[in-house]
């Protein structure tokens, strides 16, 4: 008799599966304790955990928006006027 292999649910986190925990730690850039804390807070949905972690740690790779005239133009403009 052939038994079917149990399929994992692709959008749920199983903290007892070491390979899944390792992959999620690498993908989300967090520690195992942080992952466990987030799952305890929002549940085992990968989307919910990702969203929660984005709230806690906002993206740092986004450049700040500058408004007004750049400093080098201000300095050049004041030197020309003088």
Foldseek 3Di string as FASTA:
>chain_A
DDDDDDDDDPFFDDLVDVVSLVVLCVVLVHDSVLQVVLCVVQNGGPVSSSVVVCVVPPDPVDDDDDDDDDPVVVVVVVVVVD
